[in-house]
């Protein structure tokens, strides 16, 4: 993408100019050799070779309801024995069986693996459990999993860990390399930083029920990236917290995402190579996760309709997407980020969606309460590049007419500039209901949040002018996360950043949606 090339050039110039200037590269990613505890960082580096080659990390995801939790992991070989041992007594755990299938060996260096799915049911709230899994006939060490309250739910919301994205930037005395396997030192850096963020967030918020990630768990688009998944999944907090992940554009073009995450209620809609849409209920909330790398909005509407029919009485309806259709970052929000805005806004209105959680822009923003303008608009999409290994980020396409729209037109090409201007104007498809209040009661419309990078692997600038639909935004070049508190009356969200020293700071006041009636 042209804008990305410009930013890269600026970063290279800054590195040459020296670290003391405002655009120094070290300002724009997490340098784990500086931000991490020296002993912990050195230990992580020492263990990196083994970790990068261990593709058998266990992932936990929410089940269909709060009383369930899903497991997924790899075994070596093609014969899976999917068993999870689970219970309140670590000496007397019940065996739960599941399903197994083969991993595409082109993603694992030709070595044979199978992936395993198991669902554990019958969980009680506020209860401590223990679990272990069978890996190639060997029982793993026992881990602890504690459920929280099922009526008052606490959720950690994060954006774009994108493990492996900090490639090419200096760290201490070395330059990070993309590489593969253990040679991917960018993944080593970002895996450590991701683990650090989750540890700090969990220490500050010990009663979390689960995590929502708005996508781009890993970085290496369209290629084998098992060392990036190994680093992502090895975070110690993920042994005790299920994570509801979203398919980002960097996750989308391989099947490995679908192997690693046993998502509940998969619909078979909104599919790319990584998988598709899914949904689940948890306490007072219905959570719907859409793979917006697929631009078929009609299929996403089918998913929402299925989810609402399955959980009609959920007080809150929360959608997670990767692309931020209402964001404020320079790299995406006014180009590819808003590509589905004209299509999804009226669907979210139709199904009374309360909150949309987004990523993609590597900046933080909180919208005003928004709803559609009830006017007719065109529909747009992205297509793959000629090689088929990434999306063509330079051009949008009008789905009705087939018109190709350059998102970065040459200033001297009047027709291309006009097409881009018409595209931008057509995407002004929203109405602002409210602004300024930090608590809104029974509002019309939807709240749109955009999360900055939780690992700090990559950041973008904010747009030069804050959009009228944005209530607050931030870019302080620090890893951040949000905490959602949800019960039958209130949905509240507060956002924090982590300084280099590890202290936690609030970057936005708590925003609350209050409801006086049940759905």
Protein backbone atom coordinates (compact mmCIF):
# COMPACT_ATOMS: atom_id res chain seq x y z
CA UNK A 1 0.00 0.00 0.00
CA UNK A 2 1.38 3.39 -0.99
CA UNK A 3 0.76 5.00 2.41
CA UNK A 4 2.55 2.15 4.14
CA UNK A 5 5.50 2.63 1.82
CA UNK A 6 5.66 6.31 2.73
CA UNK A 7 5.55 5.53 6.46
CA UNK A 8 8.26 2.88 6.01
CA UNK A 9 10.46 5.40 4.24
CA UNK A 10 9.98 7.87 7.06
CA UNK A 11 10.91 5.22 9.60
CA UNK A 12 14.05 4.29 7.67
CA UNK A 13 15.03 7.98 7.49
CA UNK A 14 14.45 8.32 11.21
CA UNK A 15 16.65 5.33 11.98
CA UNK A 16 19.42 6.84 9.93
CA UNK A 17 18.95 10.23 11.57
CA UNK A 18 19.18 8.82 15.08
CA UNK A 19 16.96 7.68 17.91
CA UNK A 20 16.62 11.12 19.46
CA UNK A 21 14.32 12.51 16.76
CA UNK A 22 10.52 12.46 16.96
CA UNK A 23 10.14 9.86 14.22
CA UNK A 24 12.69 7.44 15.68
CA UNK A 25 11.59 3.88 15.03
CA UNK A 26 11.99 2.88 18.67
CA UNK A 27 9.15 5.29 19.53
CA UNK A 28 6.80 3.30 17.29
CA UNK A 29 7.12 -0.27 18.51
CA UNK A 30 7.76 -2.07 21.78
CA UNK A 31 11.48 -2.66 22.42
CA UNK A 32 11.29 -5.63 24.80
CA UNK A 33 14.95 -5.35 25.71
CA UNK A 34 14.04 -1.99 27.28
CA UNK A 35 10.46 -2.43 28.48
CA UNK A 36 10.83 -5.95 29.86
CA UNK A 37 12.40 -6.97 33.12
CA UNK A 38 15.99 -7.83 32.12
CA UNK A 39 15.95 -11.25 33.76
CA UNK A 40 12.57 -12.16 32.26
CA UNK A 41 13.64 -10.95 28.82
CA UNK A 42 16.92 -12.85 28.89
CA UNK A 43 15.07 -15.97 29.99
CA UNK A 44 12.59 -15.60 27.13
CA UNK A 45 15.44 -15.19 24.63
CA UNK A 46 17.18 -18.28 26.03
CA UNK A 47 14.04 -20.35 25.59
CA UNK A 48 13.04 -18.95 22.22
CA UNK A 49 14.51 -21.71 20.06
CA UNK A 50 12.45 -24.36 21.86
CA UNK A 51 9.31 -22.23 21.93
CA UNK A 52 9.52 -21.29 18.24
CA UNK A 53 9.59 -24.99 17.34
CA UNK A 54 6.80 -26.06 19.71
CA UNK A 55 3.59 -25.93 17.69
CA UNK A 56 1.55 -27.75 20.35
CA UNK A 57 0.51 -24.81 22.53
CA UNK A 58 -3.02 -25.16 23.94
CA UNK A 59 -5.65 -22.49 23.22
CA UNK A 60 -8.81 -21.87 25.23
CA UNK A 61 -11.85 -20.15 23.71
CA UNK A 62 -15.30 -19.44 25.12
CA UNK A 63 -17.87 -22.13 24.49
CA UNK A 64 -21.44 -21.56 23.33
CA UNK A 65 -22.33 -20.32 26.82
CA UNK A 66 -20.60 -19.36 30.06
CA UNK A 67 -21.00 -22.97 31.24
CA UNK A 68 -18.65 -24.20 28.50
CA UNK A 69 -15.02 -23.76 27.49
CA UNK A 70 -13.39 -24.96 24.27
CA UNK A 71 -9.87 -26.34 23.81
CA UNK A 72 -7.66 -26.72 20.73
CA UNK A 73 -4.06 -27.93 20.30
CA UNK A 74 -1.71 -29.77 17.96
CA UNK A 75 -0.35 -33.29 18.32
CA UNK A 76 2.64 -34.54 16.40
CA UNK A 77 1.71 -37.20 13.84
CA UNK A 78 -1.57 -37.89 12.08
CA UNK A 79 -3.36 -39.86 14.79
CA UNK A 80 -5.03 -37.59 17.30
CA UNK A 81 -6.12 -38.54 20.82
CA UNK A 82 -8.21 -35.50 21.75
CA UNK A 83 -8.69 -35.79 25.48
CA UNK A 84 -8.95 -33.00 28.05
CA UNK A 85 -8.87 -33.96 31.73
CA UNK A 86 -10.91 -31.40 33.67
CA UNK A 87 -12.40 -31.01 37.15
CA UNK A 88 -12.36 -29.34 40.55
CA UNK A 89 -9.99 -31.97 42.02
CA UNK A 90 -6.60 -32.09 40.26
CA UNK A 91 -6.19 -35.69 41.45
CA UNK A 92 -9.54 -36.83 40.04
CA UNK A 93 -10.35 -35.09 36.76
CA UNK A 94 -12.96 -36.21 34.25
CA UNK A 95 -11.93 -37.10 30.69
CA UNK A 96 -13.62 -35.16 27.87
CA UNK A 97 -13.16 -36.46 24.31
CA UNK A 98 -13.31 -34.47 21.08
CA UNK A 99 -12.43 -34.53 17.40
CA UNK A 100 -9.16 -34.53 15.48
CA UNK A 101 -8.02 -33.83 11.93
CA UNK A 102 -4.80 -33.34 10.00
CA UNK A 103 -2.90 -30.04 9.71
CA UNK A 104 -1.74 -28.90 6.27
CA UNK A 105 1.91 -29.94 6.51
CA UNK A 106 3.00 -27.13 4.16
CA UNK A 107 2.41 -24.83 7.15
CA UNK A 108 4.59 -26.88 9.50
CA UNK A 109 7.73 -27.39 7.42
CA UNK A 110 6.52 -30.72 6.06
CA UNK A 111 6.18 -32.29 9.51
CA UNK A 112 2.91 -34.08 10.22
CA UNK A 113 0.59 -32.71 12.91
CA UNK A 114 -3.06 -33.09 13.73
CA UNK A 115 -5.25 -30.55 15.48
CA UNK A 116 -7.64 -31.43 18.28
CA UNK A 117 -10.92 -29.88 19.43
CA UNK A 118 -12.55 -30.60 22.79
CA UNK A 119 -15.47 -28.88 24.55
CA UNK A 120 -15.91 -29.05 28.34
CA UNK A 121 -19.46 -28.50 29.61
CA UNK A 122 -21.28 -28.07 32.90
CA UNK A 123 -19.11 -25.29 34.38
CA UNK A 124 -20.29 -23.43 37.47
CA UNK A 125 -19.62 -19.76 38.14
CA UNK A 126 -16.92 -18.59 40.59
CA UNK A 127 -15.33 -22.02 40.67
CA UNK A 128 -11.70 -23.14 40.44
CA UNK A 129 -11.01 -25.97 38.00
CA UNK A 130 -7.92 -27.85 36.88
CA UNK A 131 -7.13 -29.29 33.47
CA UNK A 132 -4.53 -31.17 31.46
CA UNK A 133 -4.48 -32.36 27.85
CA UNK A 134 -3.13 -35.45 26.15
CA UNK A 135 -0.41 -34.65 23.61
CA UNK A 136 0.65 -37.70 21.61
CA UNK A 137 -0.21 -39.88 24.59
CA UNK A 138 1.67 -37.72 27.11
CA UNK A 139 -0.39 -35.83 29.71
CA UNK A 140 0.55 -32.16 29.93
CA UNK A 141 1.24 -30.41 33.27
CA UNK A 142 -1.92 -29.47 35.16
CA UNK A 143 -3.14 -25.89 34.75
CA UNK A 144 -5.72 -23.87 36.68
CA UNK A 145 -8.88 -22.36 35.20
CA UNK A 146 -11.27 -20.27 37.29
CA UNK A 147 -14.71 -19.16 36.17
CA UNK A 148 -16.00 -15.76 37.19
CA UNK A 149 -19.45 -14.40 37.88
CA UNK A 150 -21.91 -15.25 35.08
CA UNK A 151 -24.20 -12.24 35.72
CA UNK A 152 -21.64 -9.46 36.09
CA UNK A 153 -18.99 -10.11 33.45
CA UNK A 154 -15.49 -8.60 33.09
CA UNK A 155 -13.85 -8.78 29.67
CA UNK A 156 -10.38 -7.80 28.46
CA UNK A 157 -10.61 -6.25 24.97
CA UNK A 158 -7.40 -6.01 22.94
CA UNK A 159 -6.35 -5.11 19.41
CA UNK A 160 -3.74 -6.39 16.98
CA UNK A 161 -1.08 -8.30 18.93
CA UNK A 162 0.29 -9.01 15.41
CA UNK A 163 3.17 -11.09 16.69
CA UNK A 164 6.04 -10.66 14.22
CA UNK A 165 5.11 -7.16 12.97
CA UNK A 166 8.08 -5.34 14.55
CA UNK A 167 10.50 -6.70 11.96
CA UNK A 168 13.38 -4.57 10.75
CA UNK A 169 13.52 -2.26 13.75
CA UNK A 170 16.48 -1.98 16.14
CA UNK A 171 16.28 -3.59 19.55
CA UNK A 172 19.21 -3.22 21.89
CA UNK A 173 22.25 -4.12 19.81
CA UNK A 174 20.44 -6.11 17.12
CA UNK A 175 18.06 -5.51 14.23
CA UNK A 176 14.93 -7.62 14.32
CA UNK A 177 14.55 -10.15 11.52
CA UNK A 178 11.40 -11.52 9.93
CA UNK A 179 12.85 -14.96 9.21
CA UNK A 180 11.11 -18.26 9.84
CA UNK A 181 11.11 -20.46 12.92
CA UNK A 182 13.57 -19.33 15.59
CA UNK A 183 15.13 -16.90 13.09
CA UNK A 184 11.94 -14.82 13.36
CA UNK A 185 13.30 -12.58 16.10
CA UNK A 186 10.46 -10.12 15.47
CA UNK A 187 8.06 -12.81 16.70
CA UNK A 188 10.32 -13.34 19.70
CA UNK A 189 10.12 -9.64 20.55
CA UNK A 190 6.38 -9.36 20.10
CA UNK A 191 5.58 -12.63 21.85
CA UNK A 192 7.37 -11.39 24.95
CA UNK A 193 5.61 -8.01 24.76
CA UNK A 194 2.20 -9.66 24.30
CA UNK A 195 2.83 -11.85 27.35
CA UNK A 196 3.86 -8.75 29.33
CA UNK A 197 0.67 -6.87 28.45
CA UNK A 198 -1.58 -9.76 29.45
CA UNK A 199 0.28 -10.31 32.72
CA UNK A 200 -0.07 -6.64 33.66
CA UNK A 201 -3.74 -6.49 32.61
CA UNK A 202 -4.54 -9.63 34.62
CA UNK A 203 -2.69 -8.33 37.67
CA UNK A 204 -4.73 -5.11 37.50
CA UNK A 205 -7.98 -6.99 36.79
CA UNK A 206 -7.86 -10.41 38.48
CA UNK A 207 -11.58 -11.14 37.95
CA UNK A 208 -11.60 -11.29 34.16
CA UNK A 209 -13.95 -13.83 32.57
CA UNK A 210 -12.37 -13.93 29.09
CA UNK A 211 -10.53 -11.96 26.38
CA UNK A 212 -11.80 -10.50 23.12
CA UNK A 213 -9.12 -9.96 20.46
CA UNK A 214 -10.13 -7.83 17.47
CA UNK A 215 -7.83 -9.69 15.08
CA UNK A 216 -4.34 -9.96 13.62
CA UNK A 217 -3.03 -12.35 16.23
CA UNK A 218 -0.02 -12.95 13.96
CA UNK A 219 1.72 -11.12 11.14
CA UNK A 220 3.02 -13.21 8.26
CA UNK A 221 0.16 -12.88 5.75
CA UNK A 222 -0.46 -15.84 3.47
CA UNK A 223 2.62 -17.79 4.59
CA UNK A 224 3.57 -20.39 7.19
CA UNK A 225 3.81 -18.70 10.59
CA UNK A 226 3.66 -21.37 13.27
CA UNK A 227 6.40 -19.73 15.33
CA UNK A 228 4.19 -16.61 15.52
CA UNK A 229 1.25 -18.67 16.75
CA UNK A 230 3.55 -20.43 19.22
CA UNK A 231 4.63 -17.08 20.65
CA UNK A 232 1.07 -15.74 20.73
CA UNK A 233 -0.39 -18.83 22.44
CA UNK A 234 2.46 -19.27 24.92
CA UNK A 235 1.43 -16.17 26.91
CA UNK A 236 0.98 -17.35 30.48
CA UNK A 237 -2.39 -15.58 30.92
CA UNK A 238 -3.88 -17.64 28.08
CA UNK A 239 -3.55 -20.80 30.17
CA UNK A 240 -6.30 -19.48 32.45
CA UNK A 241 -8.28 -17.09 30.23
CA UNK A 242 -10.25 -18.12 27.13
CA UNK A 243 -9.74 -15.77 24.17
CA UNK A 244 -12.44 -15.05 21.59
CA UNK A 245 -10.31 -14.14 18.59
CA UNK A 246 -11.29 -12.41 15.35
CA UNK A 247 -9.85 -13.17 11.94
CA UNK A 248 -7.72 -10.20 10.86
CA UNK A 249 -6.31 -9.64 7.39
CA UNK A 250 -2.97 -11.06 8.54
CA UNK A 251 -4.72 -14.22 9.81
CA UNK A 252 -7.11 -14.59 6.90
CA UNK A 253 -5.27 -16.35 4.09
CA UNK A 254 -4.14 -19.57 5.81
CA UNK A 255 -5.97 -22.44 7.47
CA UNK A 256 -3.69 -22.32 10.53
CA UNK A 257 -6.00 -19.90 12.38
CA UNK A 258 -8.84 -22.42 12.11
CA UNK A 259 -6.61 -25.19 13.49
CA UNK A 260 -5.57 -23.21 16.56
CA UNK A 261 -8.95 -21.81 17.67
CA UNK A 262 -11.95 -23.99 18.46
CA UNK A 263 -14.56 -21.27 18.04
CA UNK A 264 -18.17 -21.87 19.18
CA UNK A 265 -21.17 -21.99 16.83
CA UNK A 266 -19.21 -21.76 13.57
CA UNK A 267 -21.68 -20.73 10.88
CA UNK A 268 -19.79 -21.50 7.66
CA UNK A 269 -20.63 -17.94 6.61
CA UNK A 270 -18.18 -15.12 5.88
CA UNK A 271 -15.52 -17.67 5.04
CA UNK A 272 -11.91 -17.16 4.01
CA UNK A 273 -9.13 -19.74 4.27
CA UNK A 274 -8.90 -19.06 8.02
CA UNK A 275 -12.57 -19.72 8.76
CA UNK A 276 -15.69 -17.62 9.13
CA UNK A 277 -18.24 -16.02 11.42
CA UNK A 278 -19.22 -17.41 14.84
CA UNK A 279 -21.13 -16.39 17.96
CA UNK A 280 -21.66 -17.27 21.62
CA UNK A 281 -23.58 -16.18 24.67
CA UNK A 282 -21.99 -15.19 27.95
CA UNK A 283 -23.98 -13.86 30.91
CA UNK A 284 -26.12 -10.92 29.79
CA UNK A 285 -24.31 -10.65 26.44
CA UNK A 286 -24.59 -12.08 22.94
CA UNK A 287 -21.21 -11.88 21.20
CA UNK A 288 -21.03 -12.08 17.40
CA UNK A 289 -17.67 -12.33 15.62
CA UNK A 290 -17.57 -11.52 11.90
CA UNK A 291 -14.78 -12.29 9.43
CA UNK A 292 -14.89 -8.99 7.57
CA UNK A 293 -12.05 -10.04 5.27
CA UNK A 294 -14.98 -11.59 3.42
CA UNK A 295 -16.96 -8.66 1.94
CA UNK A 296 -20.26 -10.52 1.58
CA UNK A 297 -22.38 -8.46 3.96
CA UNK A 298 -25.45 -10.59 3.23
CA UNK A 299 -23.68 -13.58 4.79
CA UNK A 300 -22.68 -11.53 7.83
CA UNK A 301 -26.33 -10.52 8.21
CA UNK A 302 -27.29 -14.20 8.14
CA UNK A 303 -24.83 -14.83 10.99
CA UNK A 304 -26.29 -11.99 13.05
CA UNK A 305 -29.83 -13.24 12.40
CA UNK A 306 -28.86 -16.78 13.50
CA UNK A 307 -27.17 -15.46 16.64
CA UNK A 308 -30.10 -13.25 17.62
CA UNK A 309 -32.53 -16.13 17.07
CA UNK A 310 -30.37 -18.40 19.25
CA UNK A 311 -30.00 -15.85 22.08
CA UNK A 312 -33.09 -13.60 21.70
CA UNK A 313 -33.14 -12.36 25.29
CA UNK A 314 -29.52 -11.27 25.61
CA UNK A 315 -29.49 -7.78 27.09
CA UNK A 316 -26.41 -6.74 25.12
CA UNK A 317 -25.49 -7.46 21.51
CA UNK A 318 -21.78 -7.00 20.87
CA UNK A 319 -20.16 -7.50 17.47
CA UNK A 320 -16.40 -7.85 16.92
CA UNK A 321 -14.86 -7.13 13.50
CA UNK A 322 -11.27 -6.52 12.50
CA UNK A 323 -11.58 -3.64 10.02
CA UNK A 324 -12.56 -0.44 11.83
CA UNK A 325 -15.41 0.97 9.78
CA UNK A 326 -15.49 3.92 12.20
CA UNK A 327 -11.88 4.52 13.27
CA UNK A 328 -9.38 7.39 13.35
CA UNK A 329 -6.01 5.98 12.31
CA UNK A 330 -4.13 7.43 9.36
CA UNK A 331 -3.34 4.13 7.70
CA UNK A 332 -6.81 2.63 7.43
CA UNK A 333 -9.78 4.59 8.72
CA UNK A 334 -10.30 6.80 5.66
CA UNK A 335 -9.40 4.10 3.11
CA UNK A 336 -9.77 0.33 3.51
CA UNK A 337 -11.07 0.50 7.07
CA UNK A 338 -14.41 1.99 6.03
CA UNK A 339 -14.88 -0.38 3.08
CA UNK A 340 -17.89 -2.13 4.68
CA UNK A 341 -19.37 0.94 6.36
CA UNK A 342 -22.25 1.47 3.93
CA UNK A 343 -23.22 -2.20 4.13
CA UNK A 344 -22.81 -3.01 7.82
CA UNK A 345 -24.20 0.18 9.39
CA UNK A 346 -27.82 -0.52 8.35
CA UNK A 347 -27.46 -4.18 9.38
CA UNK A 348 -26.23 -3.20 12.83
CA UNK A 349 -29.20 -0.81 13.07
CA UNK A 350 -31.65 -3.49 11.97
CA UNK A 351 -30.51 -5.95 14.65
CA UNK A 352 -30.09 -3.35 17.38
CA UNK A 353 -26.36 -3.93 17.91
CA UNK A 354 -25.19 -2.04 21.00
CA UNK A 355 -21.40 -2.09 20.58
CA UNK A 356 -18.94 -2.90 17.80
CA UNK A 357 -15.36 -3.74 18.83
CA UNK A 358 -12.74 -3.12 16.11
CA UNK A 359 -8.98 -3.32 15.48
CA UNK A 360 -6.83 -2.88 12.36
CA UNK A 361 -5.85 0.79 12.81
CA UNK A 362 -3.22 0.44 15.59
CA UNK A 363 -4.61 3.57 17.26
CA UNK A 364 -7.26 4.07 19.95
CA UNK A 365 -10.62 5.67 19.30
CA UNK A 366 -14.13 5.77 20.76
CA UNK A 367 -17.00 6.90 18.57
CA UNK A 368 -20.08 8.87 19.39
CA UNK A 369 -23.35 6.91 19.26
CA UNK A 370 -23.99 6.37 15.55
CA UNK A 371 -26.74 5.04 13.33
CA UNK A 372 -27.40 5.05 9.59
CA UNK A 373 -28.69 7.98 7.57
CA UNK A 374 -31.45 5.91 5.87
CA UNK A 375 -30.13 6.93 2.44
CA UNK A 376 -29.13 4.70 -0.48
CA UNK A 377 -25.39 4.05 -0.82
CA UNK A 378 -23.15 1.87 -2.97
CA UNK A 379 -21.44 -1.27 -1.73
CA UNK A 380 -17.66 -1.77 -1.87
CA UNK A 381 -15.13 -4.57 -1.51
CA UNK A 382 -11.44 -5.46 -1.71
CA UNK A 383 -9.99 -8.17 -3.91
CA UNK A 384 -6.84 -10.25 -3.72
CA UNK A 385 -3.66 -9.18 -5.46
CA UNK A 386 -2.47 -10.98 -8.60
CA UNK A 387 -0.37 -13.42 -6.59
CA UNK A 388 -3.32 -14.26 -4.35
CA UNK A 389 -1.17 -14.06 -1.21
CA UNK A 390 -2.48 -10.72 0.13
CA UNK A 391 -5.21 -8.20 -0.45
CA UNK A 392 -4.85 -5.40 -2.98
CA UNK A 393 -4.88 -2.55 -0.46
CA UNK A 394 -4.47 0.17 -3.09
CA UNK A 395 -7.86 -0.24 -4.74
CA UNK A 396 -11.49 -0.60 -3.72
CA UNK A 397 -14.16 -1.91 -6.07
CA UNK A 398 -17.78 -0.83 -6.39
CA UNK A 399 -19.70 -4.11 -6.10
CA UNK A 400 -22.62 -2.89 -8.23
CA UNK A 401 -20.68 -1.32 -11.13
CA UNK A 402 -17.27 -3.00 -10.87
CA UNK A 403 -15.57 0.42 -10.86
CA UNK A 404 -11.98 0.25 -9.62
CA UNK A 405 -11.26 3.08 -7.18
CA UNK A 406 -7.70 4.02 -6.35
CA UNK A 407 -7.45 4.82 -2.65
CA UNK A 408 -4.18 6.70 -3.24
CA UNK A 409 -4.74 8.47 -6.58
CA UNK A 410 -2.12 10.50 -8.36
CA UNK A 411 -2.92 14.16 -7.71
CA UNK A 412 -2.60 14.83 -11.45
CA UNK A 413 -5.13 12.15 -12.40
CA UNK A 414 -8.38 14.10 -12.19
CA UNK A 415 -10.61 11.10 -12.88
CA UNK A 416 -8.96 8.99 -10.18
CA UNK A 417 -9.15 11.85 -7.66
CA UNK A 418 -12.83 12.32 -8.48
CA UNK A 419 -13.53 8.61 -8.01
CA UNK A 420 -11.79 8.62 -4.61
CA UNK A 421 -13.73 11.74 -3.56
CA UNK A 422 -17.02 10.13 -4.57
CA UNK A 423 -16.09 6.98 -2.61
CA UNK A 424 -15.31 9.05 0.49
CA UNK A 425 -18.50 11.09 0.24
CA UNK A 426 -20.59 7.97 -0.27
CA UNK A 427 -19.23 6.56 2.99
CA UNK A 428 -20.64 9.50 4.98
CA UNK A 429 -23.58 7.23 5.69
CA UNK A 430 -24.06 7.84 9.41
CA UNK A 431 -26.06 9.97 11.80
CA UNK A 432 -24.60 11.17 15.12
CA UNK A 433 -27.04 10.70 17.98
CA UNK A 434 -25.06 12.02 20.93
CA UNK A 435 -21.71 13.49 21.83
CA UNK A 436 -19.90 14.53 24.98
CA UNK A 437 -21.72 12.50 27.63
CA UNK A 438 -19.78 9.73 29.38
CA UNK A 439 -23.01 7.93 30.34
CA UNK A 440 -25.86 7.53 27.87
CA UNK A 441 -29.23 6.03 28.78
CA UNK A 442 -31.25 3.90 26.34
CA UNK A 443 -29.49 5.46 23.34
CA UNK A 444 -30.30 4.96 19.71
CA UNK A 445 -27.38 3.74 17.66
CA UNK A 446 -24.15 1.87 18.20
CA UNK A 447 -20.87 2.55 19.99
CA UNK A 448 -17.77 1.79 17.86
CA UNK A 449 -14.48 1.18 19.67
CA UNK A 450 -11.08 0.79 17.99
CA UNK A 451 -8.30 -0.84 20.01
CA UNK A 452 -4.63 0.08 19.66
CA UNK A 453 -1.97 -2.65 19.55
CA UNK A 454 -1.85 -4.70 22.74
CA UNK A 455 1.69 -5.93 22.11
CA UNK A 456 3.07 -2.63 20.78
CA UNK A 457 4.46 -4.43 17.73
CA UNK A 458 3.31 -1.68 15.38
CA UNK A 459 1.58 1.70 15.65
CA UNK A 460 0.10 4.16 13.15
CA UNK A 461 -0.43 7.92 13.24
CA UNK A 462 -3.85 9.41 13.85
CA UNK A 463 -5.56 11.20 10.97
CA UNK A 464 -4.60 14.88 10.76
CA UNK A 465 -8.20 15.92 11.45
CA UNK A 466 -10.39 14.10 13.97
CA UNK A 467 -13.52 12.83 12.26
CA UNK A 468 -16.85 14.23 13.42
CA UNK A 469 -18.04 10.75 14.46
CA UNK A 470 -15.15 10.32 16.93
CA UNK A 471 -15.64 11.30 20.60
CA UNK A 472 -12.11 10.58 21.78
CA UNK A 473 -8.89 9.14 20.38
CA UNK A 474 -5.29 8.58 21.39
CA UNK A 475 -1.87 7.56 20.10
CA UNK A 476 0.86 7.57 22.73
CA UNK A 477 2.98 4.80 21.16
CA UNK A 478 2.36 2.49 24.13
CA UNK A 479 0.64 -0.92 24.40
CA UNK A 480 -2.95 -0.57 25.52
CA UNK A 481 -6.03 -2.57 26.45
CA UNK A 482 -9.63 -1.96 27.51
CA UNK A 483 -11.67 -3.53 30.29
CA UNK A 484 -15.39 -4.07 29.77
CA UNK A 485 -17.74 -4.45 32.75
CA UNK A 486 -21.17 -5.78 31.78
CA UNK A 487 -24.29 -6.62 33.74
CA UNK A 488 -28.02 -6.49 32.96
CA UNK A 489 -28.14 -2.72 33.40
CA UNK A 490 -24.79 -1.31 32.26
CA UNK A 491 -22.07 -1.77 29.66
CA UNK A 492 -18.97 0.16 30.74
CA UNK A 493 -15.56 0.34 29.05
CA UNK A 494 -12.30 1.88 30.28
CA UNK A 495 -9.03 2.00 28.34
CA UNK A 496 -5.48 1.90 29.70
CA UNK A 497 -1.92 2.12 28.42
CA UNK A 498 1.24 0.50 29.81
CA UNK A 499 4.32 2.67 30.18
CA UNK A 500 7.86 1.45 29.55
CA UNK A 501 8.30 1.03 33.31
CA UNK A 502 5.22 -1.20 33.47
CA UNK A 503 2.86 1.21 35.22
CA UNK A 504 -0.76 1.46 34.07
CA UNK A 505 -2.41 4.75 33.07
CA UNK A 506 -5.98 5.56 32.04
CA UNK A 507 -6.17 7.12 28.58
CA UNK A 508 -9.94 7.64 28.41
CA UNK A 509 -12.64 8.13 31.01
CA UNK A 510 -15.06 5.27 31.57
CA UNK A 511 -17.88 5.30 29.02
CA UNK A 512 -21.18 3.68 30.05
CA UNK A 513 -24.32 2.68 28.23
CA UNK A 514 -27.19 2.30 30.71
CA UNK A 515 -30.43 0.47 29.96
CA UNK A 516 -33.61 0.95 31.94
CA UNK A 517 -35.53 -1.94 30.34
CA UNK A 518 -34.78 -5.52 29.41
CA UNK A 519 -34.61 -6.45 25.77
